[in-house]
N, C-alpha and C. Protein backbone atom coordinates (compact mmCIF):
# COMPACT_ATOMS: atom_id res chain seq x y z
N MET A 1 23.16 6.41 26.86
CA MET A 1 23.39 4.71 26.40
C MET A 1 21.47 4.27 26.39
N ILE A 2 21.04 4.97 27.66
CA ILE A 2 19.37 4.34 27.24
C ILE A 2 19.16 4.81 26.57
N LYS A 3 19.37 6.49 25.79
CA LYS A 3 18.79 6.66 24.81
C LYS A 3 18.68 5.98 23.56
N ALA A 4 20.39 5.57 23.34
CA ALA A 4 20.72 4.56 21.79
C ALA A 4 19.58 3.40 22.05
N ALA A 5 19.45 2.78 23.50
CA ALA A 5 18.78 1.31 23.07
C ALA A 5 17.06 1.72 23.08
N GLN A 6 16.70 3.14 23.62
CA GLN A 6 15.31 3.38 23.16
C GLN A 6 15.22 3.14 21.41
N ILE A 7 15.74 4.07 20.92
CA ILE A 7 16.14 4.17 19.63
C ILE A 7 15.90 2.94 19.19
N VAL A 8 17.14 2.35 19.66
CA VAL A 8 16.82 0.95 18.55
C VAL A 8 15.28 -0.36 18.90
N SER A 9 15.04 -0.21 19.87
CA SER A 9 13.76 -0.80 20.49
C SER A 9 12.51 -0.73 19.34
N GLY A 10 12.76 1.11 19.24
CA GLY A 10 11.68 1.90 18.89
C GLY A 10 12.09 1.87 17.15
N VAL A 11 12.94 1.20 16.32
CA VAL A 11 13.30 0.49 15.20
C VAL A 11 12.48 -0.80 14.96
N PHE A 12 12.95 -1.50 15.89
CA PHE A 12 12.99 -2.81 16.16
C PHE A 12 11.15 -2.80 16.33
N CYS A 13 10.27 -2.19 16.78
CA CYS A 13 9.10 -2.66 17.63
C CYS A 13 7.99 -1.42 16.20
N GLY A 14 8.64 -0.23 15.93
CA GLY A 14 8.15 0.14 14.60
C GLY A 14 8.30 -0.46 13.21
N TYR A 15 9.30 -1.71 12.96
CA TYR A 15 9.77 -2.78 12.36
C TYR A 15 8.28 -3.65 12.38
N LEU A 16 8.20 -4.28 13.10
CA LEU A 16 6.96 -5.04 13.53
C LEU A 16 5.76 -4.76 13.44
N VAL A 17 5.68 -4.01 13.90
CA VAL A 17 4.14 -2.94 13.77
C VAL A 17 3.59 -3.24 12.58
N ILE A 18 4.61 -2.54 11.87
CA ILE A 18 4.53 -2.28 10.28
C ILE A 18 4.35 -3.28 9.47
N SER A 19 5.15 -4.39 10.03
CA SER A 19 5.06 -5.41 9.07
C SER A 19 3.78 -6.35 9.03
N VAL A 20 3.18 -6.33 10.44
CA VAL A 20 2.42 -7.00 10.75
C VAL A 20 1.11 -6.48 10.14
N CYS A 21 1.08 -5.37 10.50
CA CYS A 21 -0.32 -4.29 10.07
C CYS A 21 -0.48 -4.20 8.82
N GLU A 22 1.06 -3.75 7.90
CA GLU A 22 0.63 -4.04 6.21
C GLU A 22 0.43 -5.91 6.16
N SER A 23 1.06 -6.53 6.46
CA SER A 23 0.16 -8.21 6.32
C SER A 23 -0.68 -8.29 6.05
N PHE A 24 -1.72 -8.10 7.46
CA PHE A 24 -2.90 -8.25 7.97
C PHE A 24 -3.57 -7.43 6.85
N PHE A 25 -3.84 -6.00 6.79
CA PHE A 25 -4.40 -5.07 6.24
C PHE A 25 -4.45 -5.45 4.37
N HIS A 26 -2.86 -6.12 4.18
CA HIS A 26 -3.05 -6.48 2.78
C HIS A 26 -3.83 -7.24 2.61
N ARG A 27 -3.59 -8.61 3.20
CA ARG A 27 -4.77 -9.81 3.45
C ARG A 27 -6.21 -9.25 3.07
N THR A 28 -6.99 -8.79 4.56
CA THR A 28 -7.73 -9.20 4.56
C THR A 28 -8.63 -7.64 4.10
N ILE A 29 -7.85 -6.57 4.06
CA ILE A 29 -8.60 -5.12 3.37
C ILE A 29 -8.25 -5.38 1.85
N GLN A 30 -7.39 -5.57 1.17
CA GLN A 30 -6.95 -5.08 -0.52
C GLN A 30 -7.31 -6.37 -0.90
N HIS A 31 -7.25 -7.77 -0.72
CA HIS A 31 -7.97 -8.97 -0.86
C HIS A 31 -9.20 -9.24 -0.12
N ALA A 32 -9.93 -8.63 -0.10
CA ALA A 32 -10.99 -8.35 0.82
C ALA A 32 -12.13 -10.29 0.30
N SER A 33 -12.51 -10.56 1.18
CA SER A 33 -13.65 -11.57 0.96
C SER A 33 -14.82 -10.97 0.31
N PRO A 34 -15.88 -11.24 -0.04
CA PRO A 34 -17.06 -10.80 -0.56
C PRO A 34 -17.89 -10.67 0.76
N ALA A 35 -17.81 -11.10 1.67
CA ALA A 35 -18.58 -11.03 2.85
C ALA A 35 -18.08 -9.85 3.85
N LEU A 36 -16.56 -9.78 3.66
CA LEU A 36 -16.25 -8.54 4.06
C LEU A 36 -16.89 -7.14 3.37
N ARG A 37 -16.31 -7.63 2.13
CA ARG A 37 -16.87 -6.51 1.18
C ARG A 37 -18.29 -5.90 1.48
N LEU A 38 -18.98 -6.64 1.44
CA LEU A 38 -20.84 -6.44 1.96
C LEU A 38 -20.70 -5.40 3.52
N MET A 39 -19.85 -6.30 4.14
CA MET A 39 -19.98 -5.11 5.31
C MET A 39 -19.45 -3.76 5.12
N PHE A 40 -18.17 -3.78 4.56
CA PHE A 40 -17.72 -2.59 3.65
C PHE A 40 -18.85 -1.45 3.06
N GLN A 41 -19.93 -1.63 3.04
CA GLN A 41 -21.17 -1.25 2.26
C GLN A 41 -21.97 -0.69 3.72
N LYS A 42 -22.02 -1.57 4.18
CA LYS A 42 -22.52 -0.86 5.58
C LYS A 42 -22.07 0.46 6.60
N TRP A 43 -21.05 0.84 6.21
CA TRP A 43 -19.82 1.49 7.10
C TRP A 43 -19.61 3.26 6.60
N GLY A 44 -19.97 3.41 5.58
CA GLY A 44 -20.21 4.74 5.68
C GLY A 44 -19.04 5.49 4.26
N ARG A 45 -18.53 6.58 4.56
CA ARG A 45 -17.22 6.69 4.31
C ARG A 45 -15.94 5.83 4.24
N ILE A 46 -16.19 5.36 5.90
CA ILE A 46 -14.83 4.57 6.01
C ILE A 46 -15.02 3.11 4.68
N GLY A 47 -15.99 2.69 5.13
CA GLY A 47 -16.05 1.82 4.10
C GLY A 47 -16.03 1.89 2.59
N GLU A 48 -16.26 2.86 2.39
CA GLU A 48 -15.90 3.19 1.02
C GLU A 48 -14.83 3.42 0.49
N THR A 49 -14.26 3.99 1.48
CA THR A 49 -12.46 4.23 1.21
C THR A 49 -11.92 2.42 1.19
N LEU A 50 -12.45 1.78 1.95
CA LEU A 50 -11.85 0.55 2.44
C LEU A 50 -12.43 -0.78 1.04
N SER A 51 -13.96 -0.34 0.36
CA SER A 51 -13.74 -0.35 -0.92
C SER A 51 -12.80 -0.05 -1.83
N TYR A 52 -12.59 0.97 -1.89
CA TYR A 52 -11.34 0.98 -3.00
C TYR A 52 -10.03 0.99 -2.65
N ALA A 53 -9.89 0.86 -1.46
CA ALA A 53 -8.30 -0.20 -1.60
C ALA A 53 -8.98 -1.25 -2.31
N TRP A 54 -9.63 -2.09 -1.75
CA TRP A 54 -9.70 -3.37 -2.45
C TRP A 54 -9.69 -3.26 -4.11
N TYR A 55 -10.33 -2.81 -4.25
CA TYR A 55 -10.89 -2.16 -5.99
C TYR A 55 -9.30 -1.80 -6.87
N SER A 56 -8.87 -1.05 -6.19
CA SER A 56 -7.52 -1.06 -6.70
C SER A 56 -6.69 -1.30 -6.59
N HIS A 57 -6.62 -2.01 -6.00
CA HIS A 57 -5.38 -3.40 -5.28
C HIS A 57 -5.73 -4.73 -6.27
N HIS A 58 -7.10 -5.03 -5.33
CA HIS A 58 -7.07 -6.59 -5.68
C HIS A 58 -7.92 -6.69 -7.29
N VAL A 59 -8.68 -5.62 -7.51
CA VAL A 59 -9.34 -5.49 -9.34
C VAL A 59 -8.25 -5.28 -9.45
N ILE A 60 -7.55 -4.24 -9.84
CA ILE A 60 -6.70 -3.34 -10.91
C ILE A 60 -6.05 -4.07 -10.86
N HIS A 61 -4.75 -3.76 -9.81
CA HIS A 61 -3.60 -4.47 -9.60
C HIS A 61 -2.78 -5.38 -10.04
N HIS A 62 -3.87 -6.48 -9.43
CA HIS A 62 -3.63 -7.59 -9.56
C HIS A 62 -4.72 -8.55 -11.18
N PHE A 63 -5.80 -8.54 -10.32
CA PHE A 63 -6.60 -9.26 -11.51
C PHE A 63 -6.74 -8.56 -12.97
N LEU A 64 -6.56 -7.10 -12.99
CA LEU A 64 -6.57 -6.31 -14.51
C LEU A 64 -5.35 -5.87 -15.08
N THR A 65 -4.42 -6.08 -14.53
CA THR A 65 -3.58 -5.46 -15.19
C THR A 65 -2.11 -6.89 -14.92
N PHE A 66 -1.73 -7.19 -14.07
CA PHE A 66 -1.12 -8.19 -14.47
C PHE A 66 -1.14 -9.36 -13.96
N ARG A 67 -2.06 -10.10 -15.61
CA ARG A 67 -3.29 -11.35 -15.67
C ARG A 67 -2.59 -12.46 -16.26
N LYS A 68 -1.08 -12.01 -17.14
CA LYS A 68 -0.27 -13.17 -17.86
C LYS A 68 0.29 -13.98 -16.24
N ASN A 69 1.18 -12.89 -15.85
CA ASN A 69 1.66 -12.98 -14.70
C ASN A 69 2.63 -11.82 -13.98
N HIS A 70 3.32 -11.97 -12.69
CA HIS A 70 3.95 -10.77 -11.65
C HIS A 70 4.30 -9.74 -12.67
N VAL A 71 5.20 -10.09 -13.83
CA VAL A 71 6.21 -9.32 -14.35
C VAL A 71 5.57 -8.29 -15.95
N THR A 72 4.85 -9.13 -16.09
CA THR A 72 3.64 -8.50 -17.54
C THR A 72 2.58 -7.22 -17.09
N GLN A 73 2.44 -6.51 -17.05
CA GLN A 73 1.51 -5.51 -16.57
C GLN A 73 0.38 -5.69 -17.84
N PHE A 74 0.40 -5.79 -18.55
CA PHE A 74 -0.74 -6.08 -19.90
C PHE A 74 -0.35 -6.88 -20.93
N ARG A 75 -1.11 -7.83 -21.06
CA ARG A 75 -0.88 -8.57 -22.45
C ARG A 75 -0.58 -7.62 -23.77
N ASP A 76 -1.44 -6.73 -23.82
CA ASP A 76 -0.95 -5.66 -25.28
C ASP A 76 -1.53 -4.76 -25.31
N GLU A 77 -1.28 -3.84 -26.03
CA GLU A 77 -2.05 -2.46 -25.83
C GLU A 77 -3.22 -2.15 -25.78
N LYS A 78 -4.13 -3.00 -26.40
CA LYS A 78 -5.64 -3.33 -26.31
C LYS A 78 -6.41 -3.26 -24.84
N GLU A 79 -5.40 -4.25 -24.66
CA GLU A 79 -5.87 -4.22 -22.74
C GLU A 79 -5.69 -3.25 -21.72
N ARG A 80 -4.86 -2.55 -22.22
CA ARG A 80 -3.98 -1.19 -21.45
C ARG A 80 -5.32 -0.19 -22.14
N ALA A 81 -5.16 -0.09 -22.98
CA ALA A 81 -6.40 1.02 -23.79
C ALA A 81 -7.96 0.92 -22.83
N THR A 82 -8.06 -0.11 -23.05
CA THR A 82 -9.33 -0.98 -22.04
C THR A 82 -9.66 -0.10 -21.05
N LEU A 83 -8.27 -0.59 -20.10
CA LEU A 83 -8.70 -0.08 -18.63
C LEU A 83 -8.50 1.24 -18.51
N TYR A 84 -7.53 2.05 -19.27
CA TYR A 84 -7.25 3.42 -19.14
C TYR A 84 -8.62 4.27 -19.31
N PHE A 85 -9.77 3.85 -20.44
CA PHE A 85 -10.37 4.30 -20.71
C PHE A 85 -12.29 4.00 -19.95
N HIS A 86 -11.44 2.28 -19.32
CA HIS A 86 -12.96 2.51 -18.02
C HIS A 86 -11.98 3.32 -16.71
N LEU A 87 -11.49 2.91 -16.54
CA LEU A 87 -11.06 4.24 -15.23
C LEU A 87 -11.11 5.47 -15.39
N LYS A 88 -10.94 5.69 -16.16
CA LYS A 88 -11.22 7.52 -17.00
C LYS A 88 -12.88 7.63 -16.82
N ALA A 89 -13.63 7.08 -17.52
CA ALA A 89 -15.22 6.88 -17.21
C ALA A 89 -15.39 6.52 -15.67
N MET A 90 -14.71 6.04 -14.99
CA MET A 90 -15.07 5.93 -13.45
C MET A 90 -14.65 7.39 -12.41
N CYS A 91 -13.91 8.21 -13.03
CA CYS A 91 -12.90 9.56 -12.24
C CYS A 91 -11.82 8.89 -11.96
N PHE A 92 -11.47 7.71 -12.00
CA PHE A 92 -10.39 7.18 -11.51
C PHE A 92 -8.54 7.42 -11.82
N SER A 93 -8.89 8.36 -12.46
CA SER A 93 -7.45 9.14 -13.24
C SER A 93 -6.16 8.79 -12.12
N HIS A 94 -6.24 8.70 -10.69
CA HIS A 94 -5.60 8.38 -10.07
C HIS A 94 -4.60 7.25 -10.15
N ILE A 95 -5.47 6.11 -10.41
CA ILE A 95 -5.30 4.97 -10.32
C ILE A 95 -4.24 4.92 -11.61
N ILE A 96 -4.53 5.15 -12.50
CA ILE A 96 -3.67 5.35 -13.83
C ILE A 96 -2.23 5.93 -13.75
N GLU A 97 -2.38 7.11 -13.07
CA GLU A 97 -1.34 8.53 -12.30
C GLU A 97 -0.12 7.39 -11.77
N SER A 98 -0.87 5.91 -10.69
CA SER A 98 -0.18 5.37 -9.36
C SER A 98 0.26 4.28 -10.31
N GLU A 99 0.11 4.18 -11.63
CA GLU A 99 0.96 3.15 -13.11
C GLU A 99 0.10 1.50 -12.24
N TYR A 100 -0.90 2.19 -12.34
CA TYR A 100 -1.71 0.86 -11.87
C TYR A 100 -1.96 0.26 -10.73
N GLY A 101 -1.35 1.22 -9.98
CA GLY A 101 -0.89 0.24 -8.43
C GLY A 101 0.57 0.01 -8.68
N LEU A 102 1.73 0.25 -8.84
CA LEU A 102 2.83 0.17 -8.85
C LEU A 102 3.12 1.07 -7.57
N LEU A 103 2.54 2.48 -7.68
CA LEU A 103 3.08 3.40 -6.70
C LEU A 103 1.95 3.71 -6.07
N ILE A 104 2.26 4.47 -4.63
CA ILE A 104 1.07 5.04 -3.86
C ILE A 104 0.53 5.79 -4.42
N GLY A 105 1.09 6.54 -4.98
CA GLY A 105 0.21 7.91 -5.77
C GLY A 105 0.91 9.01 -5.24
N ASP A 106 0.80 10.21 -6.02
CA ASP A 106 0.86 11.55 -5.68
C ASP A 106 0.56 12.51 -5.11
N ARG A 107 -0.51 11.93 -4.33
CA ARG A 107 -1.56 13.10 -3.82
C ARG A 107 -1.40 12.28 -1.96
N THR A 108 -1.45 13.34 -1.45
CA THR A 108 -1.31 13.40 0.13
C THR A 108 -2.28 12.28 0.81
N LYS A 109 -3.49 12.83 0.47
CA LYS A 109 -4.51 11.19 0.13
C LYS A 109 -4.38 10.23 0.28
N ASP A 110 -3.35 9.84 -1.01
CA ASP A 110 -3.12 8.55 -1.42
C ASP A 110 -2.01 7.82 0.41
N TYR A 111 -1.50 8.77 0.35
CA TYR A 111 -0.08 8.67 1.74
C TYR A 111 -1.00 7.95 2.51
N MET A 112 -1.99 9.27 2.80
CA MET A 112 -3.02 8.90 4.06
C MET A 112 -3.80 7.48 4.16
N ASN A 113 -4.31 7.46 2.65
CA ASN A 113 -5.36 5.90 2.79
C ASN A 113 -4.28 4.74 3.14
N TYR A 114 -3.27 4.91 2.54
CA TYR A 114 -2.43 3.49 2.67
C TYR A 114 -1.58 3.22 4.11
N MET A 115 -1.74 4.46 4.83
CA MET A 115 -0.79 4.38 6.35
C MET A 115 -2.48 4.40 7.35
N ALA A 116 -3.14 4.87 6.61
CA ALA A 116 -4.50 4.77 7.95
C ALA A 116 -4.98 4.24 8.48
N PRO A 117 -4.58 2.76 8.08
CA PRO A 117 -4.99 1.31 8.84
C PRO A 117 -3.63 0.82 10.15
N THR A 118 -2.79 1.36 9.59
CA THR A 118 -1.53 1.42 10.62
C THR A 118 -1.40 2.36 11.81
N LEU A 119 -1.79 3.53 11.23
CA LEU A 119 -1.47 5.01 12.04
C LEU A 119 -2.05 4.70 13.76
N PRO A 120 -3.31 3.68 13.79
CA PRO A 120 -3.50 4.13 15.33
C PRO A 120 -2.76 3.09 16.28
N VAL A 121 -2.10 2.00 15.29
CA VAL A 121 -1.43 1.29 16.57
C VAL A 121 0.28 1.56 16.51
N PHE A 122 0.55 2.53 15.30
CA PHE A 122 1.57 3.12 15.40
C PHE A 122 1.75 3.94 16.47
N ILE A 123 0.47 5.20 16.26
CA ILE A 123 0.62 5.82 17.32
C ILE A 123 0.88 5.78 19.22
N SER A 124 -0.15 4.66 18.87
CA SER A 124 -0.39 3.84 20.43
C SER A 124 0.87 3.35 21.04
N LEU A 125 1.35 2.66 20.08
CA LEU A 125 2.85 2.23 20.54
C LEU A 125 3.73 3.64 20.59
N CYS A 126 4.05 4.45 19.78
CA CYS A 126 4.92 5.68 20.32
C CYS A 126 4.26 6.48 21.39
N CYS A 127 3.24 6.31 21.68
CA CYS A 127 2.66 6.61 23.05
C CYS A 127 3.30 5.96 23.84
N ILE A 128 3.09 4.85 24.22
CA ILE A 128 3.66 4.39 25.28
C ILE A 128 5.08 3.80 25.24
N GLY A 129 6.29 4.30 24.25
CA GLY A 129 7.14 4.15 24.33
C GLY A 129 8.05 5.47 24.22
N GLY A 130 7.47 6.31 24.10
CA GLY A 130 8.25 8.10 24.34
C GLY A 130 8.60 8.65 23.60
N ARG A 131 9.60 9.65 23.57
CA ARG A 131 10.03 10.36 22.52
C ARG A 131 11.15 9.46 21.77
N TRP A 132 12.13 8.91 22.18
CA TRP A 132 13.48 8.10 21.64
C TRP A 132 12.71 7.04 21.19
N PHE A 133 12.32 6.44 21.76
CA PHE A 133 11.64 4.78 21.03
C PHE A 133 10.80 5.36 19.47
N THR A 134 10.00 6.76 19.47
CA THR A 134 9.21 7.48 18.97
C THR A 134 10.09 7.90 17.98
N ILE A 135 11.45 8.22 17.90
CA ILE A 135 12.46 8.87 17.18
C ILE A 135 12.79 7.77 16.07
N GLY A 136 13.35 6.50 16.90
CA GLY A 136 13.45 5.33 16.47
C GLY A 136 12.18 4.35 15.40
N ALA A 137 11.30 4.89 16.39
CA ALA A 137 10.17 3.73 15.53
C ALA A 137 9.44 4.80 14.01
N TYR A 138 10.26 5.74 14.10
CA TYR A 138 9.80 6.69 12.54
C TYR A 138 10.53 6.10 11.22
N ILE A 139 11.41 5.22 11.69
CA ILE A 139 12.68 5.32 10.53
C ILE A 139 11.80 4.07 10.00
N PRO A 140 11.39 2.95 10.38
CA PRO A 140 11.05 1.80 9.61
C PRO A 140 9.23 2.28 8.61
N LEU A 141 8.91 3.14 9.19
CA LEU A 141 8.01 4.13 9.18
C LEU A 141 8.02 4.44 7.85
N CYS A 142 8.95 5.47 7.60
CA CYS A 142 9.44 6.31 6.46
C CYS A 142 10.26 5.44 5.22
N LEU A 143 10.98 4.33 5.90
CA LEU A 143 11.11 3.34 5.13
C LEU A 143 10.22 2.26 4.29
N TRP A 144 8.92 2.30 4.87
CA TRP A 144 7.96 1.80 4.41
C TRP A 144 7.61 2.20 3.20
N LEU A 145 7.32 3.29 3.29
CA LEU A 145 6.44 4.58 2.34
C LEU A 145 7.42 4.69 1.16
N ILE A 146 8.86 4.83 1.74
CA ILE A 146 9.90 4.75 0.16
C ILE A 146 9.68 3.50 0.04
N LEU A 147 9.90 2.47 0.39
CA LEU A 147 9.62 0.83 -0.63
C LEU A 147 8.29 1.03 -1.12
N ALA A 148 7.43 1.38 -0.62
CA ALA A 148 6.01 1.30 -1.30
C ALA A 148 5.86 1.96 -2.32
N GLN A 149 6.59 3.22 -2.40
CA GLN A 149 6.61 4.26 -3.55
C GLN A 149 7.42 4.21 -4.48
N PHE A 150 8.67 3.74 -4.46
CA PHE A 150 9.51 3.53 -5.06
C PHE A 150 10.50 1.98 -5.44
N VAL A 151 10.41 1.23 -4.59
CA VAL A 151 10.80 -0.45 -4.88
C VAL A 151 9.97 -1.25 -5.29
N HIS A 152 8.53 -1.00 -4.76
CA HIS A 152 7.84 -2.22 -5.28
C HIS A 152 7.83 -1.99 -7.28
N ARG A 153 7.40 -1.34 -7.48
CA ARG A 153 7.71 -1.57 -8.93
C ARG A 153 8.88 -2.88 -9.59
N TYR A 154 9.71 -2.78 -8.93
CA TYR A 154 10.77 -3.35 -8.86
C TYR A 154 10.36 -5.02 -8.86
N LEU A 155 8.95 -5.44 -7.88
CA LEU A 155 9.32 -6.45 -7.53
C LEU A 155 8.25 -7.17 -9.11
N HIS A 156 8.28 -5.74 -9.76
CA HIS A 156 7.27 -6.67 -10.91
C HIS A 156 8.12 -6.37 -12.25
N MET A 157 9.32 -6.45 -12.32
CA MET A 157 10.55 -6.26 -13.33
C MET A 157 10.78 -8.04 -13.57
N ASN A 158 11.49 -7.93 -14.41
CA ASN A 158 12.21 -9.33 -14.66
C ASN A 158 13.56 -8.87 -14.29
N TYR A 159 14.48 -9.86 -13.73
CA TYR A 159 15.48 -9.16 -13.61
C TYR A 159 16.54 -8.68 -14.35
N ARG A 160 16.31 -9.08 -15.47
CA ARG A 160 17.44 -8.50 -16.41
C ARG A 160 17.23 -7.20 -16.76
N ASP A 161 15.50 -6.60 -16.44
CA ASP A 161 15.21 -5.23 -16.67
C ASP A 161 15.66 -4.46 -15.91
N VAL A 162 15.43 -4.98 -14.64
CA VAL A 162 16.30 -4.59 -13.23
C VAL A 162 17.59 -4.26 -13.40
N ILE A 163 18.42 -4.89 -13.83
CA ILE A 163 19.75 -5.05 -14.15
C ILE A 163 19.95 -3.98 -15.13
N HIS A 164 19.67 -3.70 -16.34
CA HIS A 164 20.48 -3.55 -17.62
C HIS A 164 18.88 -2.48 -17.91
N GLY A 165 18.11 -2.36 -17.02
CA GLY A 165 17.01 -1.15 -17.58
C GLY A 165 17.65 -0.13 -17.37
């Protein structure tokens, strides 16, 4: 009974940590202010990674792909082609492969970059909670990745296309 309670509390706390961290990092890094982006430039490799997260999410996914509304990725084929060639020239083919931010990506590096800001908090929580707590906490962590990789695209689709597509 104690193990089950630890697993359930792990699920709850894992969900809470992931939700808070994802919301915080989405708002502060992926939609970073100009002042924060200037700070990124001083932080070396970590700053480059954070700048890339801002660029790929805010600029590409929100500003350059879903310009008309949240369900129309490109207004026309010319807009898609222009961005495609721009990203190819910048050696950012993996952004294209992620369907311009609809998916996390296919590379282990993409998964690690996506999870990296949350992992220190998550691992600290698991160290405090113990083995059974950690087993429970991993459930929302895995679900978070599955939702980000496979369900996020449906948030950018018309209801009719999801049901009949």
